[in-house]
């Protein structure tokens, strides 16, 4: 960058300062979150987020049920019964969570189904 002219008049410096301020405001406005165009990247990110949530809900239900059943069997000495029962309950809970996640209306749908 070049050094400012020390002999420049006050009005020239004020004009330069004003142009720098307007350039700075424009640059700040362009960097605000959400200022960019909404495109396929945001839709893909939303779909991936829903997919990962569905996978973790299902896996979490199965794992939680298996752990509860395993430790319940060890505590009560009823070896595979509680494990099987809670594994089934955890699997059902995981599938129910995935179903509820999948049955929600998406943000892009115009018509919301009505329950009768």
N, C-alpha and C. Protein backbone atom coordinates (compact mmCIF):
# COMPACT_ATOMS: atom_id res chain seq x y z
N UNK A 1 0.83 -1.17 0.00
CA UNK A 1 0.00 0.00 0.00
C UNK A 1 0.88 1.23 0.00
N UNK A 2 0.38 2.25 -0.61
CA UNK A 2 1.12 3.49 -0.65
C UNK A 2 0.80 4.33 0.59
N UNK A 3 1.76 5.10 1.00
CA UNK A 3 1.58 5.97 2.16
C UNK A 3 0.70 7.16 1.76
N UNK A 4 -0.16 7.63 2.67
CA UNK A 4 -0.97 8.80 2.35
C UNK A 4 -0.08 10.04 2.19
N UNK A 5 -0.53 10.89 1.34
CA UNK A 5 0.21 12.13 1.08
C UNK A 5 0.11 13.04 2.29
N UNK A 6 1.22 13.40 2.93
CA UNK A 6 1.15 14.26 4.11
C UNK A 6 0.68 15.67 3.78
N UNK A 7 0.74 16.06 2.52
CA UNK A 7 0.33 17.40 2.13
C UNK A 7 -1.12 17.43 1.61
N UNK A 8 -1.87 16.32 1.74
CA UNK A 8 -3.24 16.27 1.24
C UNK A 8 -4.12 17.19 2.06
N UNK A 9 -5.11 17.74 1.41
CA UNK A 9 -6.00 18.65 2.11
C UNK A 9 -6.98 17.87 2.99
N UNK A 10 -7.60 18.58 3.88
CA UNK A 10 -8.54 17.98 4.82
C UNK A 10 -9.74 17.39 4.08
N UNK A 11 -10.23 18.05 3.06
CA UNK A 11 -11.40 17.56 2.33
C UNK A 11 -11.06 16.27 1.56
N UNK A 12 -9.84 16.16 1.04
CA UNK A 12 -9.44 14.92 0.35
C UNK A 12 -9.36 13.76 1.33
N UNK A 13 -8.83 14.01 2.51
CA UNK A 13 -8.73 12.96 3.53
C UNK A 13 -10.12 12.53 4.01
N UNK A 14 -11.04 13.47 4.16
CA UNK A 14 -12.41 13.14 4.58
C UNK A 14 -13.12 12.32 3.50
N UNK A 15 -12.90 12.66 2.24
CA UNK A 15 -13.50 11.90 1.15
C UNK A 15 -12.96 10.49 1.12
N UNK A 16 -11.67 10.35 1.34
CA UNK A 16 -11.05 9.02 1.36
C UNK A 16 -11.57 8.20 2.54
N UNK A 17 -11.68 8.85 3.69
CA UNK A 17 -12.20 8.17 4.88
C UNK A 17 -13.65 7.73 4.66
N UNK A 18 -14.45 8.56 4.02
CA UNK A 18 -15.83 8.19 3.73
C UNK A 18 -15.93 7.00 2.79
N UNK A 19 -15.07 6.96 1.77
CA UNK A 19 -15.11 5.82 0.85
C UNK A 19 -14.64 4.54 1.53
N UNK A 20 -13.67 4.66 2.45
CA UNK A 20 -13.23 3.49 3.20
C UNK A 20 -14.32 2.98 4.13
N UNK A 21 -15.06 3.90 4.75
CA UNK A 21 -16.16 3.48 5.62
C UNK A 21 -17.24 2.75 4.84
N UNK A 22 -17.60 3.27 3.68
CA UNK A 22 -18.65 2.61 2.89
C UNK A 22 -18.17 1.25 2.39
N UNK A 23 -16.90 1.13 2.03
CA UNK A 23 -16.36 -0.17 1.61
C UNK A 23 -16.35 -1.16 2.77
N UNK A 24 -16.04 -0.67 3.96
CA UNK A 24 -16.04 -1.53 5.15
C UNK A 24 -17.45 -2.01 5.48
N UNK A 25 -18.46 -1.12 5.40
CA UNK A 25 -19.85 -1.52 5.66
C UNK A 25 -20.31 -2.58 4.66
N UNK A 26 -19.94 -2.38 3.39
CA UNK A 26 -20.34 -3.35 2.37
C UNK A 26 -19.68 -4.70 2.62
N UNK A 27 -18.40 -4.71 3.01
CA UNK A 27 -17.71 -5.97 3.29
C UNK A 27 -18.31 -6.67 4.50
N UNK A 28 -18.69 -5.90 5.53
CA UNK A 28 -19.32 -6.51 6.71
C UNK A 28 -20.69 -7.08 6.38
N UNK A 29 -21.44 -6.41 5.52
CA UNK A 29 -22.76 -6.91 5.14
C UNK A 29 -22.66 -8.20 4.35
N UNK A 30 -21.61 -8.35 3.57
CA UNK A 30 -21.44 -9.57 2.77
C UNK A 30 -20.99 -10.75 3.62
N UNK A 31 -20.42 -10.50 4.80
CA UNK A 31 -19.92 -11.58 5.64
C UNK A 31 -20.90 -12.02 6.71
N UNK A 32 -22.07 -11.41 6.80
CA UNK A 32 -23.04 -11.78 7.82
C UNK A 32 -23.55 -13.19 7.55
N UNK A 33 -23.79 -14.00 8.61
CA UNK A 33 -24.35 -15.32 8.39
C UNK A 33 -25.74 -15.20 7.81
N UNK A 34 -26.01 -16.03 6.83
CA UNK A 34 -27.31 -16.02 6.19
C UNK A 34 -27.40 -15.02 5.06
N UNK A 35 -26.32 -14.26 4.80
CA UNK A 35 -26.36 -13.28 3.72
C UNK A 35 -26.18 -13.96 2.37
N UNK A 36 -25.56 -15.13 2.37
CA UNK A 36 -25.32 -15.83 1.11
C UNK A 36 -26.59 -16.50 0.61
N UNK A 37 -26.58 -16.93 -0.64
CA UNK A 37 -27.76 -17.60 -1.19
C UNK A 37 -27.96 -18.98 -0.58
N UNK A 38 -29.22 -19.33 -0.39
CA UNK A 38 -29.56 -20.64 0.14
C UNK A 38 -29.66 -21.59 -1.05
N UNK A 39 -28.90 -22.67 -1.00
CA UNK A 39 -28.88 -23.55 -2.15
C UNK A 39 -28.97 -25.00 -1.75
N UNK A 40 -28.45 -25.84 -2.64
CA UNK A 40 -28.51 -27.28 -2.42
C UNK A 40 -27.63 -27.72 -1.26
N UNK A 41 -26.58 -26.95 -0.96
CA UNK A 41 -25.70 -27.32 0.14
C UNK A 41 -26.45 -27.35 1.46
N UNK A 42 -27.33 -26.38 1.68
CA UNK A 42 -28.08 -26.34 2.92
C UNK A 42 -29.10 -27.48 2.97
N UNK A 43 -29.69 -27.82 1.84
CA UNK A 43 -30.65 -28.92 1.81
C UNK A 43 -29.93 -30.25 2.06
N UNK A 44 -28.75 -30.41 1.47
CA UNK A 44 -27.97 -31.62 1.68
C UNK A 44 -27.54 -31.74 3.14
N UNK A 45 -27.13 -30.63 3.73
CA UNK A 45 -26.72 -30.65 5.13
C UNK A 45 -27.90 -31.03 6.03
N UNK A 46 -29.08 -30.53 5.72
CA UNK A 46 -30.26 -30.88 6.51
C UNK A 46 -30.62 -32.35 6.38
N UNK A 47 -30.50 -32.88 5.16
CA UNK A 47 -30.79 -34.30 4.95
C UNK A 47 -29.77 -35.18 5.67
N UNK A 48 -28.51 -34.79 5.60
CA UNK A 48 -27.48 -35.58 6.29
C UNK A 48 -27.67 -35.52 7.79
N UNK A 49 -28.07 -34.37 8.30
CA UNK A 49 -28.32 -34.22 9.72
C UNK A 49 -29.46 -35.13 10.17
N UNK A 50 -30.52 -35.17 9.38
CA UNK A 50 -31.65 -36.05 9.72
C UNK A 50 -31.25 -37.52 9.65
N UNK A 51 -30.44 -37.87 8.66
CA UNK A 51 -29.99 -39.25 8.54
C UNK A 51 -29.11 -39.69 9.70
N UNK A 52 -28.17 -38.83 10.09
CA UNK A 52 -27.33 -39.16 11.23
C UNK A 52 -28.13 -39.23 12.52
N UNK A 53 -29.13 -38.36 12.65
CA UNK A 53 -29.96 -38.40 13.85
C UNK A 53 -30.75 -39.70 13.91
N UNK A 54 -31.29 -40.12 12.75
CA UNK A 54 -32.05 -41.37 12.71
C UNK A 54 -31.16 -42.55 13.07
N UNK A 55 -29.94 -42.57 12.53
CA UNK A 55 -29.02 -43.67 12.82
C UNK A 55 -28.63 -43.70 14.30
N UNK A 56 -28.36 -42.54 14.88
CA UNK A 56 -27.98 -42.54 16.29
C UNK A 56 -29.16 -42.85 17.20
N UNK A 57 -30.37 -42.44 16.82
CA UNK A 57 -31.54 -42.79 17.62
C UNK A 57 -31.76 -44.30 17.63
N UNK A 58 -31.63 -44.92 16.47
CA UNK A 58 -31.82 -46.36 16.39
C UNK A 58 -30.73 -47.10 17.15
N UNK A 59 -29.48 -46.72 16.90
CA UNK A 59 -28.37 -47.39 17.59
C UNK A 59 -28.42 -47.14 19.09
N UNK A 60 -28.79 -45.92 19.48
CA UNK A 60 -28.87 -45.61 20.91
C UNK A 60 -29.93 -46.41 21.62
N UNK A 61 -31.09 -46.61 20.97
CA UNK A 61 -32.14 -47.41 21.58
C UNK A 61 -31.73 -48.86 21.76
N UNK A 62 -31.09 -49.42 20.74
CA UNK A 62 -30.66 -50.82 20.82
C UNK A 62 -29.57 -50.99 21.88
N UNK A 63 -28.58 -50.09 21.87
CA UNK A 63 -27.48 -50.19 22.83
C UNK A 63 -27.96 -49.97 24.26
N UNK A 64 -28.83 -48.98 24.46
CA UNK A 64 -29.34 -48.73 25.81
C UNK A 64 -30.15 -49.93 26.32
N UNK A 65 -30.98 -50.49 25.46
CA UNK A 65 -31.75 -51.66 25.87
C UNK A 65 -30.86 -52.85 26.20
N UNK A 66 -29.82 -53.05 25.39
CA UNK A 66 -28.91 -54.17 25.64
C UNK A 66 -28.15 -53.97 26.94
N UNK A 67 -27.70 -52.76 27.22
CA UNK A 67 -26.97 -52.52 28.45
C UNK A 67 -27.86 -52.68 29.68
N UNK A 68 -29.06 -52.16 29.61
CA UNK A 68 -29.98 -52.30 30.75
C UNK A 68 -30.28 -53.78 31.00
N UNK A 69 -30.54 -54.51 29.93
CA UNK A 69 -30.82 -55.95 30.08
C UNK A 69 -29.62 -56.73 30.61
N UNK A 70 -28.43 -56.41 30.10
CA UNK A 70 -27.23 -57.13 30.52
C UNK A 70 -26.95 -56.91 32.01
N UNK A 71 -26.97 -55.63 32.43
CA UNK A 71 -26.69 -55.36 33.83
C UNK A 71 -27.83 -55.81 34.74
N UNK A 72 -29.05 -55.79 34.24
CA UNK A 72 -30.17 -56.34 35.03
C UNK A 72 -30.03 -57.83 35.23
N UNK A 73 -29.59 -58.55 34.19
CA UNK A 73 -29.35 -59.99 34.31
C UNK A 73 -28.23 -60.29 35.29
N UNK A 74 -27.17 -59.51 35.24
CA UNK A 74 -26.05 -59.74 36.17
C UNK A 74 -26.48 -59.47 37.61
N UNK A 75 -27.31 -58.46 37.80
CA UNK A 75 -27.73 -58.09 39.15
C UNK A 75 -28.71 -59.11 39.71
N UNK A 76 -29.67 -59.56 38.88
CA UNK A 76 -30.70 -60.49 39.36
C UNK A 76 -30.37 -61.95 39.10
N UNK A 77 -29.37 -62.22 38.28
CA UNK A 77 -28.99 -63.60 37.99
C UNK A 77 -29.97 -64.32 37.08
N UNK A 78 -30.61 -63.58 36.19
CA UNK A 78 -31.60 -64.19 35.29
C UNK A 78 -31.05 -64.20 33.86
N UNK A 79 -29.91 -64.74 33.68
CA UNK A 79 -29.15 -64.66 32.43
C UNK A 79 -29.94 -64.75 31.16
N UNK A 80 -30.25 -64.86 30.21
CA UNK A 80 -30.52 -64.06 29.00
C UNK A 80 -31.89 -63.39 28.95
N UNK A 81 -32.74 -63.59 29.98
CA UNK A 81 -34.13 -63.14 29.86
C UNK A 81 -34.27 -61.61 29.81
N UNK A 82 -33.67 -60.91 30.75
CA UNK A 82 -33.76 -59.46 30.74
C UNK A 82 -33.02 -58.85 29.54
N UNK A 83 -31.91 -59.48 29.17
CA UNK A 83 -31.17 -58.99 28.00
C UNK A 83 -32.04 -59.04 26.75
N UNK A 84 -32.71 -60.15 26.55
CA UNK A 84 -33.58 -60.29 25.38
C UNK A 84 -34.76 -59.32 25.46
N UNK A 85 -35.38 -59.25 26.63
CA UNK A 85 -36.55 -58.38 26.78
C UNK A 85 -36.19 -56.92 26.54
N UNK A 86 -35.13 -56.44 27.18
CA UNK A 86 -34.76 -55.04 27.01
C UNK A 86 -34.15 -54.75 25.65
N UNK A 87 -33.54 -55.73 25.02
CA UNK A 87 -33.05 -55.55 23.66
C UNK A 87 -34.21 -55.34 22.70
N UNK A 88 -35.28 -56.10 22.90
CA UNK A 88 -36.48 -55.92 22.07
C UNK A 88 -37.12 -54.56 22.35
N UNK A 89 -37.23 -54.19 23.63
CA UNK A 89 -37.81 -52.90 23.98
C UNK A 89 -36.98 -51.75 23.41
N UNK A 90 -35.65 -51.84 23.51
CA UNK A 90 -34.77 -50.81 22.97
C UNK A 90 -34.86 -50.71 21.46
N UNK A 91 -35.00 -51.85 20.78
CA UNK A 91 -35.14 -51.85 19.33
C UNK A 91 -36.46 -51.20 18.93
N UNK A 92 -37.52 -51.53 19.63
CA UNK A 92 -38.82 -50.91 19.34
C UNK A 92 -38.76 -49.40 19.58
N UNK A 93 -38.12 -49.00 20.68
CA UNK A 93 -37.99 -47.56 20.96
C UNK A 93 -37.16 -46.86 19.89
N UNK A 94 -36.11 -47.50 19.40
CA UNK A 94 -35.29 -46.91 18.35
C UNK A 94 -36.06 -46.77 17.05
N UNK A 95 -36.79 -47.81 16.65
CA UNK A 95 -37.59 -47.73 15.44
C UNK A 95 -38.72 -46.70 15.56
N UNK A 96 -39.30 -46.60 16.75
CA UNK A 96 -40.36 -45.60 16.96
C UNK A 96 -39.80 -44.19 16.81
N UNK A 97 -38.61 -43.97 17.35
CA UNK A 97 -37.98 -42.66 17.23
C UNK A 97 -37.66 -42.32 15.77
N UNK A 98 -37.17 -43.31 15.02
CA UNK A 98 -36.87 -43.09 13.60
C UNK A 98 -38.16 -42.84 12.83
N UNK A 99 -39.22 -43.55 13.15
CA UNK A 99 -40.51 -43.35 12.48
C UNK A 99 -41.04 -41.94 12.74
N UNK A 100 -40.96 -41.50 14.00
CA UNK A 100 -41.44 -40.15 14.33
C UNK A 100 -40.60 -39.09 13.63
N UNK A 101 -39.30 -39.32 13.50
CA UNK A 101 -38.44 -38.38 12.81
C UNK A 101 -38.79 -38.34 11.32
N UNK A 102 -39.08 -39.48 10.75
CA UNK A 102 -39.40 -39.55 9.32
C UNK A 102 -40.79 -39.08 8.98
N UNK A 103 -41.70 -39.09 9.93
CA UNK A 103 -43.07 -38.69 9.63
C UNK A 103 -43.32 -37.20 9.86
N UNK A 104 -42.31 -36.48 10.35
CA UNK A 104 -42.46 -35.03 10.51
C UNK A 104 -42.52 -34.36 9.15
N UNK A 105 -43.32 -33.33 9.00
CA UNK A 105 -43.32 -32.61 7.72
C UNK A 105 -42.00 -31.86 7.54
N UNK A 106 -41.52 -31.85 6.31
CA UNK A 106 -40.28 -31.15 6.02
C UNK A 106 -40.56 -29.68 5.80
N UNK A 107 -39.52 -28.87 5.84
CA UNK A 107 -39.70 -27.43 5.69
C UNK A 107 -40.11 -27.06 4.27
N UNK A 108 -39.83 -27.92 3.28
CA UNK A 108 -40.16 -27.59 1.91
C UNK A 108 -41.54 -28.07 1.48
N UNK A 109 -42.25 -28.77 2.34
CA UNK A 109 -43.56 -29.28 1.92
C UNK A 109 -44.62 -28.21 2.09
N UNK A 110 -45.48 -28.07 1.10
CA UNK A 110 -46.53 -27.06 1.13
C UNK A 110 -47.75 -27.55 1.88
N UNK A 111 -48.08 -28.82 1.72
CA UNK A 111 -49.28 -29.37 2.33
C UNK A 111 -48.91 -30.22 3.52
N UNK A 112 -49.54 -29.96 4.63
CA UNK A 112 -49.33 -30.75 5.84
C UNK A 112 -50.49 -31.72 5.96
N UNK A 113 -50.21 -33.03 6.06
CA UNK A 113 -51.32 -33.98 6.16
C UNK A 113 -52.11 -33.76 7.45
N UNK A 114 -53.42 -33.84 7.34
CA UNK A 114 -54.30 -33.64 8.51
C UNK A 114 -54.74 -35.00 9.04
N UNK A 115 -54.66 -35.14 10.35
CA UNK A 115 -55.15 -36.37 10.98
C UNK A 115 -56.64 -36.25 11.23
N UNK A 116 -57.40 -37.26 10.91
CA UNK A 116 -58.86 -37.24 11.11
C UNK A 116 -59.23 -37.95 12.36
